[in-house]
């Protein structure tokens, strides 16, 4: 302690002779001055540390805000991505359905044209008198049998491609499958049922291609 006081007095003597004299006479003043100096340094250090602490707090706030913005943007992008995936899947399913329907119903126009041929064959077989079909008329018999075989074969081809004939005699009238030509009372038959079929109807893969032309029973 005495050495420190001596050094301080030596440093202050040229410029502050009175202060040097005071320090010589009172070492306690030297201790107080040293403590004050150390306290000032500690205060400056505390202020510096507080400033350093304040700076990271501001940076953390900025980072938190940026994080919130990025999370919001990520959420929006994720939602858009999910919606885009859903839209693409819907388009794919619709396209697949259209392709499948095109495969099933692409022959619809062709089938309608063939139905006219089937109708002619049916009318031809019906026009042959049954009593004339006998061995005494071999040509007529052979022709009739040929017509029957052709009609059976064409129905097999229709069935192979999903085209089925509708013969709704006795069935309940269905406006999606039948077209009523007339309504008439019929004894012993329930009103609203099909009593007569003028032209056969057809369905292609469960869809009505041509409604059957029918006569419907009505109340007497």
Protein backbone atom coordinates (compact mmCIF):
# COMPACT_ATOMS: atom_id res chain seq x y z
CA UNK A 1 0.00 0.00 0.00
CA UNK A 2 2.82 2.35 0.80
CA UNK A 3 4.42 1.62 -2.55
CA UNK A 4 1.19 2.44 -4.41
CA UNK A 5 0.89 5.70 -2.51
CA UNK A 6 4.44 6.58 -3.32
CA UNK A 7 3.91 5.98 -7.02
CA UNK A 8 0.74 8.07 -7.06
CA UNK A 9 2.46 10.94 -5.24
CA UNK A 10 5.33 10.78 -7.68
CA UNK A 11 2.95 10.98 -10.63
CA UNK A 12 0.93 13.85 -9.23
CA UNK A 13 3.76 15.94 -7.76
CA UNK A 14 4.76 17.82 -10.95
CA UNK A 15 1.22 18.87 -11.87
CA UNK A 16 -0.71 18.80 -8.66
CA UNK A 17 1.63 19.59 -5.77
CA UNK A 18 -1.19 20.23 -3.33
CA UNK A 19 -2.89 16.96 -4.14
CA UNK A 20 0.42 15.17 -3.79
CA UNK A 21 0.90 16.77 -0.36
CA UNK A 22 -2.57 15.72 0.69
CA UNK A 23 -1.94 12.16 -0.40
CA UNK A 24 1.35 12.17 1.58
CA UNK A 25 -0.38 13.24 4.71
CA UNK A 26 -3.49 11.03 4.20
CA UNK A 27 -3.07 7.56 2.63
CA UNK A 28 -6.78 7.04 3.31
CA UNK A 29 -7.64 9.60 0.66
CA UNK A 30 -5.59 7.60 -1.80
CA UNK A 31 -7.57 4.47 -1.03
CA UNK A 32 -10.85 6.34 -1.48
CA UNK A 33 -9.71 7.73 -4.81
CA UNK A 34 -8.63 4.33 -5.97
CA UNK A 35 -11.97 2.81 -4.93
CA UNK A 36 -13.85 5.57 -6.77
CA UNK A 37 -11.76 4.98 -9.86
CA UNK A 38 -12.43 1.24 -9.68
CA UNK A 39 -16.15 1.91 -9.11
CA UNK A 40 -16.26 4.12 -12.19
CA UNK A 41 -14.62 1.41 -14.25
CA UNK A 42 -17.08 -1.18 -12.92
CA UNK A 43 -20.00 1.13 -13.76
CA UNK A 44 -18.73 1.57 -17.30
CA UNK A 45 -18.34 -2.18 -17.66
CA UNK A 46 -21.88 -2.76 -16.36
CA UNK A 47 -23.27 -0.22 -18.82
CA UNK A 48 -21.35 -1.87 -21.65
CA UNK A 49 -22.68 -5.28 -20.68
CA UNK A 50 -26.26 -3.92 -20.49
CA UNK A 51 -25.88 -2.47 -23.97
CA UNK A 52 -24.54 -5.78 -25.22
CA UNK A 53 -27.50 -7.55 -23.64
CA UNK A 54 -29.93 -5.07 -25.20
CA UNK A 55 -28.49 -5.60 -28.66
CA UNK A 56 -29.12 -9.39 -28.74
CA UNK A 57 -32.68 -8.78 -27.53
CA UNK A 58 -33.34 -6.55 -30.53
CA UNK A 59 -31.76 -9.10 -32.86
CA UNK A 60 -33.84 -11.87 -31.37
CA UNK A 61 -36.97 -9.82 -31.94
CA UNK A 62 -36.06 -9.34 -35.60
CA UNK A 63 -35.32 -13.04 -36.01
CA UNK A 64 -38.63 -13.94 -34.38
CA UNK A 65 -40.52 -11.69 -36.77
CA UNK A 66 -38.67 -13.15 -39.76
CA UNK A 67 -39.40 -16.66 -38.52
CA UNK A 68 -43.12 -15.88 -38.23
CA UNK A 69 -43.16 -14.46 -41.77
CA UNK A 70 -41.38 -17.51 -43.19
CA UNK A 71 -43.72 -19.88 -41.38
CA UNK A 72 -46.73 -18.02 -42.79
CA UNK A 73 -45.27 -18.16 -46.30
CA UNK A 74 -44.54 -21.87 -45.90
CA UNK A 75 -48.12 -22.48 -44.82
CA UNK A 76 -49.48 -20.61 -47.85
CA UNK A 77 -47.19 -22.49 -50.24
CA UNK A 78 -48.15 -25.82 -48.64
CA UNK A 79 -51.86 -25.03 -49.00
CA UNK A 80 -51.41 -24.06 -52.64
CA UNK A 81 -49.43 -27.24 -53.27
CA UNK A 82 -52.14 -29.40 -51.71
CA UNK A 83 -54.86 -27.66 -53.71
CA UNK A 84 -52.85 -28.11 -56.90
CA UNK A 85 -52.44 -31.82 -56.15
CA UNK A 86 -56.19 -32.16 -55.50
CA UNK A 87 -57.04 -30.35 -58.75
CA UNK A 88 -54.61 -32.52 -60.71
CA UNK A 89 -56.11 -35.67 -59.20
CA UNK A 90 -59.65 -34.51 -60.08
CA UNK A 91 -58.58 -33.79 -63.66
CA UNK A 92 -56.91 -37.21 -63.88
CA UNK A 93 -60.03 -38.99 -62.60
CA UNK A 94 -62.30 -37.06 -64.97
CA UNK A 95 -60.01 -37.81 -67.90
CA UNK A 96 -59.88 -41.48 -66.97
CA UNK A 97 -63.68 -41.60 -66.73
CA UNK A 98 -64.03 -39.94 -70.13
CA UNK A 99 -61.60 -42.44 -71.65
CA UNK A 100 -63.49 -45.37 -70.15
CA UNK A 101 -66.83 -44.01 -71.35
CA UNK A 102 -65.37 -43.47 -74.80
CA UNK A 103 -64.29 -47.12 -74.86
CA UNK A 104 -67.72 -48.31 -73.71
CA UNK A 105 -69.96 -46.00 -75.72
CA UNK A 106 -67.73 -45.21 -78.69
CA UNK A 107 -69.65 -47.81 -80.73
CA UNK A 108 -73.00 -46.25 -79.85
CA UNK A 109 -73.67 -44.82 -83.33
CA UNK A 110 -72.58 -48.05 -84.98
CA UNK A 111 -74.90 -50.06 -82.73
CA UNK A 112 -77.85 -47.84 -83.58
CA UNK A 113 -77.29 -48.52 -87.26
CA UNK A 114 -77.10 -52.26 -86.62
CA UNK A 115 -80.38 -52.15 -84.71
CA UNK A 116 -82.15 -51.32 -87.93
CA UNK A 117 -80.72 -54.52 -89.45
CA UNK A 118 -81.88 -56.51 -86.42
CA UNK A 119 -85.36 -55.01 -86.76
CA UNK A 120 -85.54 -56.03 -90.42
CA UNK A 121 -84.50 -59.58 -89.59
CA UNK A 122 -87.13 -59.74 -86.87
CA UNK A 123 -89.84 -58.48 -89.20
CA UNK A 124 -88.74 -60.94 -91.87
CA UNK A 125 -89.01 -63.94 -89.57
CA UNK A 126 -92.37 -62.78 -88.26
CA UNK A 127 -93.76 -62.34 -91.80
CA UNK A 128 -93.18 -65.97 -92.75
CA UNK A 129 -96.39 -67.98 -92.23
CA UNK A 130 -95.69 -70.72 -89.73
CA UNK A 131 -98.00 -73.16 -91.50
CA UNK A 132 -95.94 -72.85 -94.67
CA UNK A 133 -92.73 -73.91 -92.97
CA UNK A 134 -92.72 -77.62 -93.79
CA UNK A 135 -90.82 -80.16 -95.77
CA UNK A 136 -93.01 -79.62 -98.80
CA UNK A 137 -91.54 -76.09 -99.05
CA UNK A 138 -87.82 -76.79 -98.58
CA UNK A 139 -86.69 -73.45 -100.00
CA UNK A 140 -88.98 -71.44 -97.73
CA UNK A 141 -88.01 -73.61 -94.79
CA UNK A 142 -84.31 -73.16 -95.45
CA UNK A 143 -84.75 -69.42 -95.87
CA UNK A 144 -86.66 -69.17 -92.60
CA UNK A 145 -84.10 -71.22 -90.73
CA UNK A 146 -81.33 -69.05 -92.16
CA UNK A 147 -83.09 -65.92 -90.97
CA UNK A 148 -83.52 -67.39 -87.50
CA UNK A 149 -79.83 -68.37 -87.32
CA UNK A 150 -78.78 -64.90 -88.49
CA UNK A 151 -80.99 -63.25 -85.90
CA UNK A 152 -79.59 -65.47 -83.13
CA UNK A 153 -76.03 -64.76 -84.22
CA UNK A 154 -76.49 -61.01 -84.36
CA UNK A 155 -77.95 -61.05 -80.85
CA UNK A 156 -74.85 -62.97 -79.66
CA UNK A 157 -72.64 -60.26 -81.19
CA UNK A 158 -74.73 -57.55 -79.53
CA UNK A 159 -74.42 -59.27 -76.15
CA UNK A 160 -70.66 -59.67 -76.57
CA UNK A 161 -70.32 -55.89 -76.92
CA UNK A 162 -72.71 -55.04 -74.08
CA UNK A 163 -75.82 -54.44 -76.18
CA UNK A 164 -78.91 -56.15 -74.72
CA UNK A 165 -82.45 -56.34 -76.05
CA UNK A 166 -85.40 -55.20 -73.92
CA UNK A 167 -88.67 -57.10 -74.12
CA UNK A 168 -90.72 -55.43 -71.36
CA UNK A 169 -94.07 -57.23 -71.85
CA UNK A 170 -95.79 -57.43 -68.45
CA UNK A 171 -93.20 -55.15 -66.79
CA UNK A 172 -94.01 -51.87 -65.08
CA UNK A 173 -93.80 -48.89 -67.41
CA UNK A 174 -90.47 -47.11 -67.03
CA UNK A 175 -90.13 -43.76 -68.86
CA UNK A 176 -86.32 -44.20 -68.94
CA UNK A 177 -86.59 -47.49 -70.86
CA UNK A 178 -89.98 -47.35 -72.56
CA UNK A 179 -91.82 -44.99 -74.87
CA UNK A 180 -95.61 -45.23 -74.69
CA UNK A 181 -97.35 -45.24 -78.06
CA UNK A 182 -100.85 -45.59 -76.61
CA UNK A 183 -102.78 -46.38 -73.44
CA UNK A 184 -105.61 -48.88 -73.50
CA UNK A 185 -107.55 -50.99 -70.99
CA UNK A 186 -106.71 -54.68 -70.90
CA UNK A 187 -108.69 -57.30 -69.00
CA UNK A 188 -106.74 -59.17 -66.37
CA UNK A 189 -103.70 -56.85 -66.54
CA UNK A 190 -102.55 -54.34 -63.97
CA UNK A 191 -102.81 -50.68 -64.98
CA UNK A 192 -99.45 -49.08 -65.67
CA UNK A 193 -97.88 -52.26 -67.08
CA UNK A 194 -96.71 -52.91 -70.63
CA UNK A 195 -99.28 -54.86 -72.64
CA UNK A 196 -97.75 -54.70 -76.12
CA UNK A 197 -94.29 -54.13 -77.60
CA UNK A 198 -94.28 -52.55 -81.05
CA UNK A 199 -90.48 -52.29 -81.31
CA UNK A 200 -87.84 -53.82 -79.06
CA UNK A 201 -85.66 -51.56 -76.97
CA UNK A 202 -81.92 -51.90 -76.38
CA UNK A 203 -79.42 -51.02 -73.66
CA UNK A 204 -75.70 -50.47 -74.15
CA UNK A 205 -73.70 -51.23 -70.98
CA UNK A 206 -76.72 -50.42 -68.83
CA UNK A 207 -77.53 -47.18 -70.64
CA UNK A 208 -80.72 -47.03 -72.70
CA UNK A 209 -79.67 -46.83 -76.34
CA UNK A 210 -83.17 -47.06 -77.75
CA UNK A 211 -86.37 -47.14 -75.69
CA UNK A 212 -88.91 -49.85 -76.43
CA UNK A 213 -92.06 -48.65 -78.17
CA UNK A 214 -94.93 -50.03 -76.08
CA UNK A 215 -98.63 -49.93 -75.34
CA UNK A 216 -99.49 -49.36 -71.68
CA UNK A 217 -102.51 -50.67 -69.77
CA UNK A 218 -104.77 -48.03 -68.29
CA UNK A 219 -107.72 -48.16 -65.93
CA UNK A 220 -110.95 -49.29 -67.53
